[in-house]
Amino acid sequence: MKIFLAIRDIETRTGVPINRLKWLMSAKAPEGSFPEPDAQVGIEGRVWFGWLPETVDHWHALDEFENARK
């Protein structure tokens, strides 16, 4: 079975506050600010998204690198 991370899991794993994550996932953030989900659960009504741990780790490593360059 594959394990996918929900937004709260990403907050715990990376330390990035949930409000920041929600903004990065929103249409207001620059394109490419956060990776596309690796999974979607549900088609109609309530839909959840999930990210593989390696997707989140890769994004977080790049994000920390970019922040270190500023």
PDB file of N, CA and C in Angstrom:
ATOM      1  N   MET A   1       0.844  -1.173   0.000  1.00  0.00           N
ATOM      2  CA  MET A   1       0.000   0.000   0.000  1.00  0.00           C
ATOM      3  C   MET A   1       0.896   1.245   0.000  1.00  0.00           C
ATOM      4  N   LYS A   2       0.524   2.208  -0.811  1.00  0.00           N
ATOM      5  CA  LYS A   2       1.252   3.479  -0.848  1.00  0.00           C
ATOM      6  C   LYS A   2       0.703   4.403   0.226  1.00  0.00           C
ATOM      7  N   ILE A   3       1.593   5.173   0.807  1.00  0.00           N
ATOM      8  CA  ILE A   3       1.216   6.163   1.811  1.00  0.00           C
ATOM      9  C   ILE A   3       1.309   7.542   1.170  1.00  0.00           C
ATOM     10  N   PHE A   4       0.250   8.322   1.312  1.00  0.00           N
ATOM     11  CA  PHE A   4       0.224   9.692   0.821  1.00  0.00           C
ATOM     12  C   PHE A   4       0.063  10.633   2.004  1.00  0.00           C
ATOM     13  N   LEU A   5       0.642  11.806   1.889  1.00  0.00           N
ATOM     14  CA  LEU A   5       0.576  12.808   2.946  1.00  0.00           C
ATOM     15  C   LEU A   5      -0.534  13.807   2.661  1.00  0.00           C
ATOM     16  N   ALA A   6      -1.321  14.085   3.685  1.00  0.00           N
ATOM     17  CA  ALA A   6      -2.316  15.146   3.627  1.00  0.00           C
ATOM     18  C   ALA A   6      -1.638  16.446   4.065  1.00  0.00           C
ATOM     19  N   ILE A   7      -2.331  17.553   3.935  1.00  0.00           N
ATOM     20  CA  ILE A   7      -1.743  18.846   4.232  1.00  0.00           C
ATOM     21  C   ILE A   7      -1.223  18.927   5.679  1.00  0.00           C
ATOM     22  N   ARG A   8      -1.959  18.366   6.628  1.00  0.00           N
ATOM     23  CA  ARG A   8      -1.491  18.386   8.033  1.00  0.00           C
ATOM     24  C   ARG A   8      -0.236  17.532   8.207  1.00  0.00           C
ATOM     25  N   ASP A   9      -0.148  16.442   7.473  1.00  0.00           N
ATOM     26  CA  ASP A   9       1.058  15.613   7.513  1.00  0.00           C
ATOM     27  C   ASP A   9       2.256  16.385   6.968  1.00  0.00           C
ATOM     28  N   ILE A  10       2.012  17.172   5.920  1.00  0.00           N
ATOM     29  CA  ILE A  10       3.087  17.973   5.320  1.00  0.00           C
ATOM     30  C   ILE A  10       3.555  19.030   6.308  1.00  0.00           C
ATOM     31  N   GLU A  11       2.609  19.633   7.020  1.00  0.00           N
ATOM     32  CA  GLU A  11       2.973  20.623   8.037  1.00  0.00           C
ATOM     33  C   GLU A  11       3.879  19.983   9.100  1.00  0.00           C
ATOM     34  N   THR A  12       3.503  18.807   9.570  1.00  0.00           N
ATOM     35  CA  THR A  12       4.286  18.108  10.586  1.00  0.00           C
ATOM     36  C   THR A  12       5.656  17.716  10.055  1.00  0.00           C
ATOM     37  N   ARG A  13       5.698  17.225   8.837  1.00  0.00           N
ATOM     38  CA  ARG A  13       6.951  16.727   8.250  1.00  0.00           C
ATOM     39  C   ARG A  13       7.937  17.849   7.958  1.00  0.00           C
ATOM     40  N   THR A  14       7.430  19.006   7.510  1.00  0.00           N
ATOM     41  CA  THR A  14       8.325  20.078   7.057  1.00  0.00           C
ATOM     42  C   THR A  14       8.466  21.229   8.044  1.00  0.00           C
ATOM     43  N   GLY A  15       7.481  21.398   8.914  1.00  0.00           N
ATOM     44  CA  GLY A  15       7.489  22.554   9.810  1.00  0.00           C
ATOM     45  C   GLY A  15       6.944  23.810   9.164  1.00  0.00           C
ATOM     46  N   VAL A  16       6.489  23.712   7.921  1.00  0.00           N
ATOM     47  CA  VAL A  16       5.898  24.856   7.233  1.00  0.00           C
ATOM     48  C   VAL A  16       4.468  25.010   7.758  1.00  0.00           C
ATOM     49  N   PRO A  17       4.108  26.205   8.254  1.00  0.00           N
ATOM     50  CA  PRO A  17       2.763  26.393   8.813  1.00  0.00           C
ATOM     51  C   PRO A  17       1.664  26.096   7.790  1.00  0.00           C
ATOM     52  N   ILE A  18       0.565  25.567   8.291  1.00  0.00           N
ATOM     53  CA  ILE A  18      -0.532  25.140   7.408  1.00  0.00           C
ATOM     54  C   ILE A  18      -1.076  26.290   6.567  1.00  0.00           C
ATOM     55  N   ASN A  19      -1.149  27.490   7.124  1.00  0.00           N
ATOM     56  CA  ASN A  19      -1.649  28.624   6.341  1.00  0.00           C
ATOM     57  C   ASN A  19      -0.727  28.939   5.177  1.00  0.00           C
ATOM     58  N   ARG A  20       0.573  28.806   5.388  1.00  0.00           N
ATOM     59  CA  ARG A  20       1.541  29.014   4.302  1.00  0.00           C
ATOM     60  C   ARG A  20       1.366  27.935   3.234  1.00  0.00           C
ATOM     61  N   LEU A  21       1.185  26.693   3.656  1.00  0.00           N
ATOM     62  CA  LEU A  21       0.969  25.604   2.694  1.00  0.00           C
ATOM     63  C   LEU A  21      -0.284  25.838   1.873  1.00  0.00           C
ATOM     64  N   LYS A  22      -1.361  26.237   2.542  1.00  0.00           N
ATOM     65  CA  LYS A  22      -2.614  26.498   1.821  1.00  0.00           C
ATOM     66  C   LYS A  22      -2.430  27.611   0.796  1.00  0.00           C
ATOM     67  N   TRP A  23      -1.673  28.645   1.152  1.00  0.00           N
ATOM     68  CA  TRP A  23      -1.419  29.729   0.199  1.00  0.00           C
ATOM     69  C   TRP A  23      -0.592  29.217  -0.973  1.00  0.00           C
ATOM     70  N   LEU A  24       0.444  28.423  -0.695  1.00  0.00           N
ATOM     71  CA  LEU A  24       1.288  27.887  -1.764  1.00  0.00           C
ATOM     72  C   LEU A  24       0.495  27.006  -2.729  1.00  0.00           C
ATOM     73  N   MET A  25      -0.561  26.376  -2.217  1.00  0.00           N
ATOM     74  CA  MET A  25      -1.399  25.511  -3.046  1.00  0.00           C
ATOM     75  C   MET A  25      -2.494  26.288  -3.771  1.00  0.00           C
ATOM     76  N   SER A  26      -2.672  27.537  -3.414  1.00  0.00           N
ATOM     77  CA  SER A  26      -3.761  28.331  -3.986  1.00  0.00           C
ATOM     78  C   SER A  26      -3.394  28.910  -5.346  1.00  0.00           C
ATOM     79  N   ALA A  27      -4.394  29.419  -6.017  1.00  0.00           N
ATOM     80  CA  ALA A  27      -4.189  30.049  -7.324  1.00  0.00           C
ATOM     81  C   ALA A  27      -3.445  31.382  -7.181  1.00  0.00           C
ATOM     82  N   LYS A  28      -3.400  31.942  -5.970  1.00  0.00           N
ATOM     83  CA  LYS A  28      -2.720  33.224  -5.745  1.00  0.00           C
ATOM     84  C   LYS A  28      -1.198  33.088  -5.749  1.00  0.00           C
ATOM     85  N   ALA A  29      -0.700  31.904  -5.445  1.00  0.00           N
ATOM     86  CA  ALA A  29       0.749  31.680  -5.388  1.00  0.00           C
ATOM     87  C   ALA A  29       1.312  31.576  -6.804  1.00  0.00           C
ATOM     88  N   PRO A  30       2.583  31.937  -6.977  1.00  0.00           N
ATOM     89  CA  PRO A  30       3.204  31.774  -8.298  1.00  0.00           C
ATOM     90  C   PRO A  30       3.169  30.302  -8.728  1.00  0.00           C
ATOM     91  N   GLU A  31       3.009  30.101 -10.020  1.00  0.00           N
ATOM     92  CA  GLU A  31       2.962  28.738 -10.546  1.00  0.00           C
ATOM     93  C   GLU A  31       4.231  27.985 -10.159  1.00  0.00           C
ATOM     94  N   GLY A  32       4.065  26.755  -9.746  1.00  0.00           N
ATOM     95  CA  GLY A  32       5.213  25.932  -9.370  1.00  0.00           C
ATOM     96  C   GLY A  32       5.650  26.116  -7.925  1.00  0.00           C
ATOM     97  N   SER A  33       4.888  26.880  -7.137  1.00  0.00           N
ATOM     98  CA  SER A  33       5.249  27.097  -5.744  1.00  0.00           C
ATOM     99  C   SER A  33       5.140  25.826  -4.914  1.00  0.00           C
ATOM    100  N   PHE A  34       4.258  24.942  -5.324  1.00  0.00           N
ATOM    101  CA  PHE A  34       4.053  23.690  -4.606  1.00  0.00           C
ATOM    102  C   PHE A  34       3.756  22.602  -5.627  1.00  0.00           C
ATOM    103  N   PRO A  35       4.248  21.388  -5.400  1.00  0.00           N
ATOM    104  CA  PRO A  35       4.034  20.326  -6.398  1.00  0.00           C
ATOM    105  C   PRO A  35       2.567  19.919  -6.524  1.00  0.00           C
ATOM    106  N   GLU A  36       2.217  19.481  -7.706  1.00  0.00           N
ATOM    107  CA  GLU A  36       0.886  18.943  -7.949  1.00  0.00           C
ATOM    108  C   GLU A  36       0.710  17.682  -7.102  1.00  0.00           C
ATOM    109  N   PRO A  37      -0.509  17.397  -6.656  1.00  0.00           N
ATOM    110  CA  PRO A  37      -0.727  16.193  -5.858  1.00  0.00           C
ATOM    111  C   PRO A  37      -0.409  14.927  -6.645  1.00  0.00           C
ATOM    112  N   ASP A  38       0.009  13.906  -5.913  1.00  0.00           N
ATOM    113  CA  ASP A  38       0.277  12.600  -6.519  1.00  0.00           C
ATOM    114  C   ASP A  38      -0.966  11.726  -6.537  1.00  0.00           C
ATOM    115  N   ALA A  39      -1.977  12.109  -5.758  1.00  0.00           N
ATOM    116  CA  ALA A  39      -3.202  11.302  -5.685  1.00  0.00           C
ATOM    117  C   ALA A  39      -4.397  12.190  -5.395  1.00  0.00           C
ATOM    118  N   GLN A  40      -5.540  11.722  -5.858  1.00  0.00           N
ATOM    119  CA  GLN A  40      -6.818  12.359  -5.557  1.00  0.00           C
ATOM    120  C   GLN A  40      -7.760  11.261  -5.087  1.00  0.00           C
ATOM    121  N   VAL A  41      -8.452  11.536  -3.994  1.00  0.00           N
ATOM    122  CA  VAL A  41      -9.442  10.593  -3.479  1.00  0.00           C
ATOM    123  C   VAL A  41     -10.807  11.241  -3.640  1.00  0.00           C
ATOM    124  N   GLY A  42     -11.663  10.601  -4.371  1.00  0.00           N
ATOM    125  CA  GLY A  42     -12.990  11.130  -4.641  1.00  0.00           C
ATOM    126  C   GLY A  42     -13.038  11.802  -5.997  1.00  0.00           C
ATOM    127  N   ILE A  43     -14.256  11.840  -6.549  1.00  0.00           N
ATOM    128  CA  ILE A  43     -14.472  12.460  -7.851  1.00  0.00           C
ATOM    129  C   ILE A  43     -15.449  13.613  -7.722  1.00  0.00           C
ATOM    130  N   GLU A  44     -16.532  13.374  -7.040  1.00  0.00           N
ATOM    131  CA  GLU A  44     -17.549  14.396  -6.863  1.00  0.00           C
ATOM    132  C   GLU A  44     -17.705  14.704  -5.381  1.00  0.00           C
ATOM    133  N   GLY A  45     -18.210  15.874  -5.113  1.00  0.00           N
ATOM    134  CA  GLY A  45     -18.405  16.254  -3.713  1.00  0.00           C
ATOM    135  C   GLY A  45     -17.072  16.562  -3.056  1.00  0.00           C
ATOM    136  N   ARG A  46     -16.849  15.970  -1.939  1.00  0.00           N
ATOM    137  CA  ARG A  46     -15.622  16.216  -1.191  1.00  0.00           C
ATOM    138  C   ARG A  46     -14.471  15.439  -1.817  1.00  0.00           C
ATOM    139  N   VAL A  47     -13.407  16.130  -2.151  1.00  0.00           N
ATOM    140  CA  VAL A  47     -12.239  15.528  -2.789  1.00  0.00           C
ATOM    141  C   VAL A  47     -11.015  15.831  -1.933  1.00  0.00           C
ATOM    142  N   TRP A  48     -10.180  14.833  -1.713  1.00  0.00           N
ATOM    143  CA  TRP A  48      -8.936  15.010  -0.966  1.00  0.00           C
ATOM    144  C   TRP A  48      -7.766  14.761  -1.893  1.00  0.00           C
ATOM    145  N   PHE A  49      -6.662  15.438  -1.580  1.00  0.00           N
ATOM    146  CA  PHE A  49      -5.430  15.268  -2.345  1.00  0.00           C
ATOM    147  C   PHE A  49      -4.342  14.736  -1.427  1.00  0.00           C
ATOM    148  N   GLY A  50      -3.389  14.039  -2.017  1.00  0.00           N
ATOM    149  CA  GLY A  50      -2.280  13.495  -1.247  1.00  0.00           C
ATOM    150  C   GLY A  50      -0.988  13.584  -2.033  1.00  0.00           C
ATOM    151  N   TRP A  51       0.101  13.677  -1.307  1.00  0.00           N
ATOM    152  CA  TRP A  51       1.431  13.775  -1.892  1.00  0.00           C
ATOM    153  C   TRP A  51       2.294  12.655  -1.346  1.00  0.00           C
ATOM    154  N   LEU A  52       3.106  12.075  -2.198  1.00  0.00           N
ATOM    155  CA  LEU A  52       4.053  11.069  -1.744  1.00  0.00           C
ATOM    156  C   LEU A  52       5.101  11.741  -0.853  1.00  0.00           C
ATOM    157  N   PRO A  53       5.585  11.037   0.158  1.00  0.00           N
ATOM    158  CA  PRO A  53       6.616  11.631   1.018  1.00  0.00           C
ATOM    159  C   PRO A  53       7.825  12.134   0.233  1.00  0.00           C
ATOM    160  N   GLU A  54       8.245  11.399  -0.781  1.00  0.00           N
ATOM    161  CA  GLU A  54       9.421  11.822  -1.553  1.00  0.00           C
ATOM    162  C   GLU A  54       9.141  13.101  -2.352  1.00  0.00           C
ATOM    163  N   THR A  55       7.900  13.297  -2.796  1.00  0.00           N
ATOM    164  CA  THR A  55       7.537  14.538  -3.488  1.00  0.00           C
ATOM    165  C   THR A  55       7.680  15.720  -2.539  1.00  0.00           C
ATOM    166  N   VAL A  56       7.164  15.554  -1.324  1.00  0.00           N
ATOM    167  CA  VAL A  56       7.226  16.625  -0.323  1.00  0.00           C
ATOM    168  C   VAL A  56       8.677  16.889   0.090  1.00  0.00           C
ATOM    169  N   ASP A  57       9.444  15.831   0.308  1.00  0.00           N
ATOM    170  CA  ASP A  57      10.847  16.003   0.709  1.00  0.00           C
ATOM    171  C   ASP A  57      11.646  16.736  -0.360  1.00  0.00           C
ATOM    172  N   HIS A  58      11.409  16.379  -1.615  1.00  0.00           N
ATOM    173  CA  HIS A  58      12.107  17.043  -2.726  1.00  0.00           C
ATOM    174  C   HIS A  58      11.730  18.529  -2.780  1.00  0.00           C
ATOM    175  N   TRP A  59      10.442  18.825  -2.699  1.00  0.00           N
ATOM    176  CA  TRP A  59       9.982  20.218  -2.706  1.00  0.00           C
ATOM    177  C   TRP A  59      10.573  20.990  -1.537  1.00  0.00           C
ATOM    178  N   HIS A  60      10.551  20.402  -0.350  1.00  0.00           N
ATOM    179  CA  HIS A  60      11.026  21.089   0.853  1.00  0.00           C
ATOM    180  C   HIS A  60      12.523  21.363   0.762  1.00  0.00           C
ATOM    181  N   ALA A  61      13.284  20.421   0.236  1.00  0.00           N
ATOM    182  CA  ALA A  61      14.725  20.624   0.065  1.00  0.00           C
ATOM    183  C   ALA A  61      14.987  21.777  -0.899  1.00  0.00           C
ATOM    184  N   LEU A  62      14.242  21.842  -1.992  1.00  0.00           N
ATOM    185  CA  LEU A  62      14.402  22.946  -2.945  1.00  0.00           C
ATOM    186  C   LEU A  62      13.985  24.270  -2.333  1.00  0.00           C
ATOM    187  N   ASP A  63      12.889  24.261  -1.561  1.00  0.00           N
ATOM    188  CA  ASP A  63      12.391  25.471  -0.913  1.00  0.00           C
ATOM    189  C   ASP A  63      13.409  25.995   0.097  1.00  0.00           C
ATOM    190  N   GLU A  64      14.004  25.109   0.890  1.00  0.00           N
ATOM    191  CA  GLU A  64      15.022  25.537   1.854  1.00  0.00           C
ATOM    192  C   GLU A  64      16.250  26.086   1.143  1.00  0.00           C
ATOM    193  N   PHE A  65      16.628  25.482   0.013  1.00  0.00           N
ATOM    194  CA  PHE A  65      17.773  25.961  -0.764  1.00  0.00           C
ATOM    195  C   PHE A  65      17.492  27.384  -1.278  1.00  0.00           C
ATOM    196  N   GLU A  66      16.292  27.588  -1.820  1.00  0.00           N
ATOM    197  CA  GLU A  66      15.932  28.913  -2.319  1.00  0.00           C
ATOM    198  C   GLU A  66      15.925  29.941  -1.205  1.00  0.00           C
ATOM    199  N   ASN A  67      15.386  29.573  -0.037  1.00  0.00           N
ATOM    200  CA  ASN A  67      15.365  30.499   1.090  1.00  0.00           C
ATOM    201  C   ASN A  67      16.772  30.821   1.574  1.00  0.00           C
ATOM    202  N   ALA A  68      17.676  29.863   1.517  1.00  0.00           N
ATOM    203  CA  ALA A  68      19.059  30.092   1.947  1.00  0.00           C
ATOM    204  C   ALA A  68      19.790  31.053   1.012  1.00  0.00           C
ATOM    205  N   ARG A  69      19.365  31.093  -0.241  1.00  0.00           N
ATOM    206  CA  ARG A  69      20.007  31.973  -1.228  1.00  0.00           C
ATOM    207  C   ARG A  69      19.556  33.411  -1.097  1.00  0.00           C
ATOM    208  N   LYS A  70      18.458  33.652  -0.376  1.00  0.00           N
ATOM    209  CA  LYS A  70      17.906  35.021  -0.268  1.00  0.00           C
ATOM    210  C   LYS A  70      18.649  35.814   0.765  1.00  0.00           C
TER     211      LYS A  70
END
